[in-house]
Amino acid sequence: MNLESLKQLLSDLCFPEKAKQNVISYYNKINECCSKDLEEIISKYEQNYDMPWSEFEVIFAKMKEIAKKTGLHEFSVGLVYYLLLSEPLKQVYIKKGVSLDIWKTSVMDLKYKLDEAEIMNGVCGVIKFSWPVQFFRFEKFGIGKLQFEVIPFRHEFNLNGIELKPNSKVINVHIPKTGEPLDRESMLDAYKRAKEFFANVKYGDKTVFVCESWMLSEKNKQIFKPESNLFKFINDYTIVESGDYSDYQETWRIFDTTDLSDLEKLPQKTSVQRAYLDIMRKGEKTGWAYGAFVF
């Protein structure tokens, strides 16, 4: 991918202007002193996109070397690398006859993680090296407003007459932090399209989706309004397992900050923010849950 193609990709992925400038600067700096290293790890992916994790770990080590040579943050190097892999990934989609809409929605995750990296690490980059790998191994897919991958179920459980066992194939759901509302219609559309996409992962004519998230915590039913989209999302799932977090670090997803040193400085713009702030003031636990539902 040349510089002009990279610029176009950044525009297509809706990168903010400042982030575009940063990425182009990183790209130029890497090419100035580490072009052979960069070519090597891109070529490695092009030769075998679904290489084992151990091979990706070798690439992670190489990215750390590039970061040291350039003086860039390693996660900034990671962002440039994955952006450059988007074109070879596109060719994988074309060869497999998969819609390029799904390719673009999947690669858009780099934009979502750009925002998270700013919150979590204060850098223009990826949140961590390993997160994007499943998208680039053609294992995780952005379909509509949700993300999906096939994973093994981890319990014995009867769900609406479907006997699930450890290692039964189910479809994991991830809700990307896009900044857009997840309305009910979009949610159901994503499930329907995922069911069609993963047509070989079915129980009769039914598909089993699973999700592990703070959103599924039963405590949230006391916070979200019954008519809200998030309440309806929780209601889809039968809770299989749940627990409490040991601290409040997961609340960055609600407050868009990891700085909890002064609770009174946290934003209180939404009812969810105000409810969670009240929980934290009281020193109560926040929780998570793992649930499943049949579609």
Protein backbone atom coordinates (compact mmCIF):
# COMPACT_ATOMS: atom_id res chain seq x y z
CA MET A 1 0.00 0.00 0.00
CA ASN A 2 1.48 3.35 -1.01
CA LEU A 3 1.03 6.67 0.77
CA GLU A 4 -1.90 7.82 -1.37
CA SER A 5 -3.76 4.55 -0.77
CA LEU A 6 -3.13 4.89 2.95
CA LYS A 7 -4.53 8.43 2.94
CA GLN A 8 -7.65 7.21 1.16
CA LEU A 9 -8.09 4.36 3.64
CA LEU A 10 -7.83 6.76 6.58
CA SER A 11 -10.58 8.88 5.04
CA ASP A 12 -12.74 5.82 4.35
CA LEU A 13 -12.37 4.73 7.97
CA CYS A 14 -13.37 8.19 9.22
CA PHE A 15 -10.10 8.88 11.07
CA PRO A 16 -10.06 12.39 12.60
CA GLU A 17 -7.77 14.87 10.85
CA LYS A 18 -5.21 14.89 13.67
CA ALA A 19 -5.05 11.08 13.66
CA LYS A 20 -4.61 11.06 9.86
CA GLN A 21 -1.66 13.41 10.17
CA ASN A 22 -0.16 11.31 12.96
CA VAL A 23 -0.50 8.05 11.03
CA ILE A 24 1.06 9.55 7.89
CA SER A 25 3.93 10.90 10.00
CA TYR A 26 4.44 7.45 11.60
CA TYR A 27 4.31 5.77 8.19
CA ASN A 28 6.95 8.10 6.75
CA LYS A 29 9.21 7.71 9.79
CA ILE A 30 9.01 3.91 9.67
CA ASN A 31 9.78 3.89 5.95
CA GLU A 32 12.76 6.18 6.44
CA CYS A 33 14.63 3.85 8.76
CA CYS A 34 12.86 0.49 8.86
CA SER A 35 11.37 -0.11 5.42
CA LYS A 36 12.89 -3.60 5.12
CA ASP A 37 11.59 -4.60 8.55
CA LEU A 38 8.13 -3.35 7.62
CA GLU A 39 8.19 -5.14 4.25
CA GLU A 40 9.24 -8.34 6.00
CA ILE A 41 6.31 -8.47 8.40
CA ILE A 42 3.80 -7.42 5.74
CA SER A 43 5.12 -10.12 3.40
CA LYS A 44 4.87 -12.67 6.20
CA TYR A 45 1.15 -11.92 6.49
CA GLU A 46 0.58 -11.93 2.73
CA GLN A 47 2.11 -15.39 2.47
CA ASN A 48 -0.10 -16.85 5.21
CA TYR A 49 -2.87 -14.65 6.62
CA ASP A 50 -4.04 -17.35 9.06
CA MET A 51 -0.58 -18.12 10.40
CA PRO A 52 -0.50 -19.50 13.97
CA TRP A 53 -0.47 -17.13 16.93
CA SER A 54 3.19 -17.95 17.56
CA GLU A 55 4.05 -16.38 14.20
CA PHE A 56 2.09 -13.26 15.08
CA GLU A 57 4.07 -13.09 18.32
CA VAL A 58 7.24 -12.96 16.22
CA ILE A 59 5.68 -10.04 14.33
CA PHE A 60 4.81 -8.33 17.64
CA ALA A 61 8.47 -8.57 18.64
CA LYS A 62 9.52 -7.08 15.32
CA MET A 63 7.08 -4.18 15.80
CA LYS A 64 8.67 -3.49 19.18
CA GLU A 65 12.08 -3.37 17.46
CA ILE A 66 10.72 -0.91 14.90
CA ALA A 67 9.32 1.22 17.74
CA LYS A 68 12.74 1.38 19.40
CA LYS A 69 14.49 2.31 16.14
CA THR A 70 11.99 5.05 15.30
CA GLY A 71 11.25 6.34 18.79
CA LEU A 72 7.54 5.77 18.17
CA HIS A 73 5.16 4.19 20.66
CA GLU A 74 4.88 0.48 19.87
CA PHE A 75 1.09 0.71 19.60
CA SER A 76 1.47 3.48 17.00
CA VAL A 77 3.66 1.14 14.98
CA GLY A 78 0.97 -1.51 15.42
CA LEU A 79 -1.69 0.80 14.02
CA VAL A 80 0.35 1.51 10.90
CA TYR A 81 1.02 -2.21 10.42
CA TYR A 82 -2.62 -3.26 10.63
CA LEU A 83 -3.72 -0.41 8.36
CA LEU A 84 -1.23 -1.63 5.76
CA LEU A 85 -2.58 -5.18 6.13
CA SER A 86 -6.09 -4.05 5.24
CA GLU A 87 -5.40 -4.35 1.50
CA PRO A 88 -4.10 -7.94 1.63
CA LEU A 89 -7.05 -8.77 3.91
CA LYS A 90 -9.35 -7.29 1.27
CA GLN A 91 -7.88 -9.73 -1.25
CA VAL A 92 -8.70 -12.61 1.12
CA TYR A 93 -12.33 -11.44 1.21
CA ILE A 94 -12.44 -11.20 -2.59
CA LYS A 95 -10.99 -14.70 -3.04
CA LYS A 96 -13.51 -16.15 -0.58
CA GLY A 97 -16.41 -14.30 -2.18
CA VAL A 98 -17.31 -12.43 1.01
CA SER A 99 -18.97 -9.01 0.84
CA LEU A 100 -16.53 -6.11 0.99
CA ASP A 101 -19.06 -4.34 3.21
CA ILE A 102 -18.10 -6.86 5.89
CA TRP A 103 -14.40 -6.25 5.14
CA LYS A 104 -14.82 -2.51 5.64
CA THR A 105 -16.93 -2.89 8.79
CA SER A 106 -14.30 -5.27 10.19
CA VAL A 107 -11.39 -2.95 9.39
CA MET A 108 -13.37 -0.07 10.94
CA ASP A 109 -12.47 -1.64 14.26
CA LEU A 110 -9.08 0.06 13.89
CA LYS A 111 -10.88 3.39 14.16
CA TYR A 112 -12.80 2.24 17.24
CA LYS A 113 -9.61 1.01 18.89
CA LEU A 114 -7.88 4.26 17.98
CA ASP A 115 -10.39 6.04 20.21
CA GLU A 116 -9.90 3.48 23.00
CA ALA A 117 -6.10 3.73 22.80
CA GLU A 118 -6.39 7.47 23.31
CA ILE A 119 -8.50 6.88 26.42
CA MET A 120 -6.47 3.96 27.84
CA ASN A 121 -2.91 4.77 26.80
CA GLY A 122 -2.95 8.39 25.64
CA VAL A 123 -1.49 7.40 22.27
CA CYS A 124 -2.58 7.35 18.64
CA GLY A 125 -2.40 3.61 18.05
CA VAL A 126 -4.01 0.25 18.70
CA ILE A 127 -5.18 -0.75 22.17
CA LYS A 128 -2.77 -3.72 22.11
CA PHE A 129 -1.00 -5.78 19.43
CA SER A 130 -3.15 -8.88 19.82
CA TRP A 131 -6.67 -7.40 19.58
CA PRO A 132 -6.91 -6.98 15.76
CA VAL A 133 -5.38 -10.36 14.94
CA GLN A 134 -8.66 -12.30 14.73
CA PHE A 135 -10.04 -9.84 12.19
CA PHE A 136 -6.92 -10.27 10.07
CA ARG A 137 -6.95 -14.05 10.42
CA PHE A 138 -10.48 -14.03 8.95
CA GLU A 139 -11.94 -15.26 12.24
CA LYS A 140 -13.82 -12.22 13.60
CA PHE A 141 -16.16 -10.11 11.49
CA GLY A 142 -17.93 -6.79 11.72
CA ILE A 143 -21.50 -7.40 10.57
CA GLY A 144 -23.83 -4.45 10.89
CA LYS A 145 -23.24 -2.73 14.23
CA LEU A 146 -21.95 -5.85 16.02
CA GLN A 147 -18.91 -8.11 15.76
CA PHE A 148 -19.01 -11.91 15.66
CA GLU A 149 -16.74 -14.95 15.85
CA VAL A 150 -17.22 -18.69 16.35
CA ILE A 151 -16.05 -19.90 19.76
CA PRO A 152 -16.60 -22.98 21.96
CA PHE A 153 -19.31 -22.84 24.64
CA ARG A 154 -17.83 -23.27 28.10
CA HIS A 155 -20.58 -24.96 30.14
CA GLU A 156 -23.16 -27.72 30.07
CA PHE A 157 -26.45 -25.93 29.65
CA ASN A 158 -29.92 -26.54 28.27
CA LEU A 159 -31.04 -23.47 26.37
CA ASN A 160 -34.59 -23.60 25.04
CA GLY A 161 -34.24 -27.34 24.41
CA ILE A 162 -30.78 -27.10 22.87
CA GLU A 163 -28.25 -29.17 24.82
CA LEU A 164 -25.02 -27.20 24.91
CA LYS A 165 -21.79 -28.74 26.15
CA PRO A 166 -18.27 -27.44 26.63
CA ASN A 167 -16.81 -26.97 23.13
CA SER A 168 -20.23 -26.79 21.42
CA LYS A 169 -19.87 -24.21 18.66
CA VAL A 170 -21.59 -20.91 19.35
CA ILE A 171 -21.25 -17.38 17.98
CA ASN A 172 -19.66 -14.84 20.27
CA VAL A 173 -21.00 -11.27 20.14
CA HIS A 174 -18.88 -8.20 20.75
CA ILE A 175 -20.33 -4.70 20.91
CA PRO A 176 -17.78 -2.24 19.51
CA LYS A 177 -17.62 1.18 21.10
CA THR A 178 -18.64 3.14 18.01
CA GLY A 179 -20.16 6.20 19.62
CA GLU A 180 -23.43 5.47 17.81
CA PRO A 181 -26.66 4.22 19.43
CA LEU A 182 -27.35 0.50 19.05
CA ASP A 183 -31.03 0.61 18.19
CA ARG A 184 -33.16 -2.52 18.32
CA GLU A 185 -33.65 -2.68 14.56
CA SER A 186 -29.91 -2.55 13.88
CA MET A 187 -29.29 -5.17 16.58
CA LEU A 188 -31.76 -7.64 15.07
CA ASP A 189 -30.43 -6.95 11.57
CA ALA A 190 -26.89 -7.78 12.72
CA TYR A 191 -28.05 -11.04 14.34
CA LYS A 192 -29.96 -12.02 11.20
CA ARG A 193 -27.01 -11.32 8.91
CA ALA A 194 -24.61 -13.14 11.26
CA LYS A 195 -26.93 -16.16 11.30
CA GLU A 196 -26.78 -16.26 7.50
CA PHE A 197 -23.00 -15.69 7.45
CA PHE A 198 -22.30 -18.52 9.93
CA ALA A 199 -24.80 -20.88 8.28
CA ASN A 200 -22.77 -23.96 9.30
CA VAL A 201 -23.04 -23.12 13.03
CA LYS A 202 -26.64 -24.04 13.75
CA TYR A 203 -28.81 -26.29 15.90
CA GLY A 204 -31.60 -27.24 13.51
CA ASP A 205 -32.72 -23.88 12.19
CA LYS A 206 -31.53 -22.02 15.31
CA THR A 207 -28.32 -20.16 16.06
CA VAL A 208 -26.89 -19.71 19.56
CA PHE A 209 -25.25 -16.38 20.34
CA VAL A 210 -23.21 -15.76 23.47
CA CYS A 211 -21.81 -12.61 25.03
CA GLU A 212 -19.71 -11.75 28.07
CA SER A 213 -19.96 -8.12 29.08
CA TRP A 214 -20.53 -5.61 31.85
CA MET A 215 -23.69 -4.75 29.95
CA LEU A 216 -25.24 -8.14 30.74
CA SER A 217 -24.90 -7.69 34.50
CA GLU A 218 -28.31 -8.17 36.12
CA LYS A 219 -27.61 -5.01 38.12
CA ASN A 220 -28.06 -3.03 34.92
CA LYS A 221 -31.74 -3.96 34.76
CA GLN A 222 -32.16 -1.62 37.70
CA ILE A 223 -30.35 1.12 35.80
CA PHE A 224 -31.50 0.88 32.19
CA LYS A 225 -35.08 1.82 31.38
CA PRO A 226 -37.22 -1.12 30.11
CA GLU A 227 -37.83 0.69 26.84
CA SER A 228 -34.10 1.34 26.29
CA ASN A 229 -32.07 -0.51 23.69
CA LEU A 230 -29.58 -1.75 26.30
CA PHE A 231 -32.33 -3.20 28.49
CA LYS A 232 -33.69 -5.05 25.44
CA PHE A 233 -30.18 -6.31 24.67
CA ILE A 234 -29.84 -7.73 28.19
CA ASN A 235 -33.29 -9.29 28.00
CA ASP A 236 -32.34 -11.36 24.94
CA TYR A 237 -29.83 -13.36 26.98
CA THR A 238 -30.21 -16.13 29.51
CA ILE A 239 -27.46 -15.63 32.08
CA VAL A 240 -25.19 -18.65 32.42
CA GLU A 241 -22.45 -17.22 34.62
CA SER A 242 -21.85 -13.91 36.39
CA GLY A 243 -19.53 -12.22 38.81
CA ASP A 244 -18.22 -8.96 40.26
CA TYR A 245 -15.23 -6.92 39.17
CA SER A 246 -12.50 -6.41 41.75
CA ASP A 247 -12.26 -2.70 40.94
CA TYR A 248 -13.87 -0.03 38.78
CA GLN A 249 -11.43 -0.07 35.85
CA GLU A 250 -14.09 -1.38 33.45
CA THR A 251 -16.09 1.80 33.99
CA TRP A 252 -13.85 3.59 31.48
CA ARG A 253 -16.33 2.29 28.90
CA ILE A 254 -19.01 4.39 30.60
CA PHE A 255 -17.01 7.50 31.51
CA ASP A 256 -14.42 7.53 28.67
CA THR A 257 -11.58 7.91 31.15
CA THR A 258 -9.41 5.67 33.30
CA ASP A 259 -8.76 8.45 35.82
CA LEU A 260 -10.88 7.61 38.85
CA SER A 261 -8.85 9.64 41.33
CA ASP A 262 -11.70 12.11 41.88
CA LEU A 263 -15.15 10.60 41.33
CA GLU A 264 -16.80 14.02 41.36
CA LYS A 265 -14.89 14.98 38.21
CA LEU A 266 -16.36 12.09 36.21
CA PRO A 267 -18.95 13.07 33.57
CA GLN A 268 -22.56 12.86 34.67
CA LYS A 269 -24.29 13.56 31.36
CA THR A 270 -26.26 10.32 31.06
CA SER A 271 -28.49 8.37 33.43
CA VAL A 272 -26.09 5.41 33.18
CA GLN A 273 -23.11 7.58 34.17
CA ARG A 274 -25.06 8.98 37.11
CA ALA A 275 -26.19 5.53 38.23
CA TYR A 276 -22.67 4.06 38.08
CA LEU A 277 -21.22 7.06 39.85
CA ASP A 278 -23.71 6.46 42.66
CA ILE A 279 -22.60 2.81 42.86
CA MET A 280 -18.96 3.89 43.07
CA ARG A 281 -19.64 6.53 45.71
CA LYS A 282 -21.24 3.83 47.87
CA GLY A 283 -18.30 1.47 47.29
CA GLU A 284 -20.57 -1.20 45.83
CA LYS A 285 -19.39 -3.80 43.34
CA THR A 286 -19.95 -3.58 39.59
CA GLY A 287 -20.41 -6.80 37.68
CA TRP A 288 -20.29 -8.79 34.47
CA ALA A 289 -22.23 -11.69 33.06
CA TYR A 290 -21.91 -14.39 30.41
CA GLY A 291 -25.16 -15.14 28.65
CA ALA A 292 -26.61 -17.03 25.69
CA PHE A 293 -29.69 -16.77 23.54
CA VAL A 294 -31.29 -18.62 20.66
CA PHE A 295 -32.09 -16.76 17.47
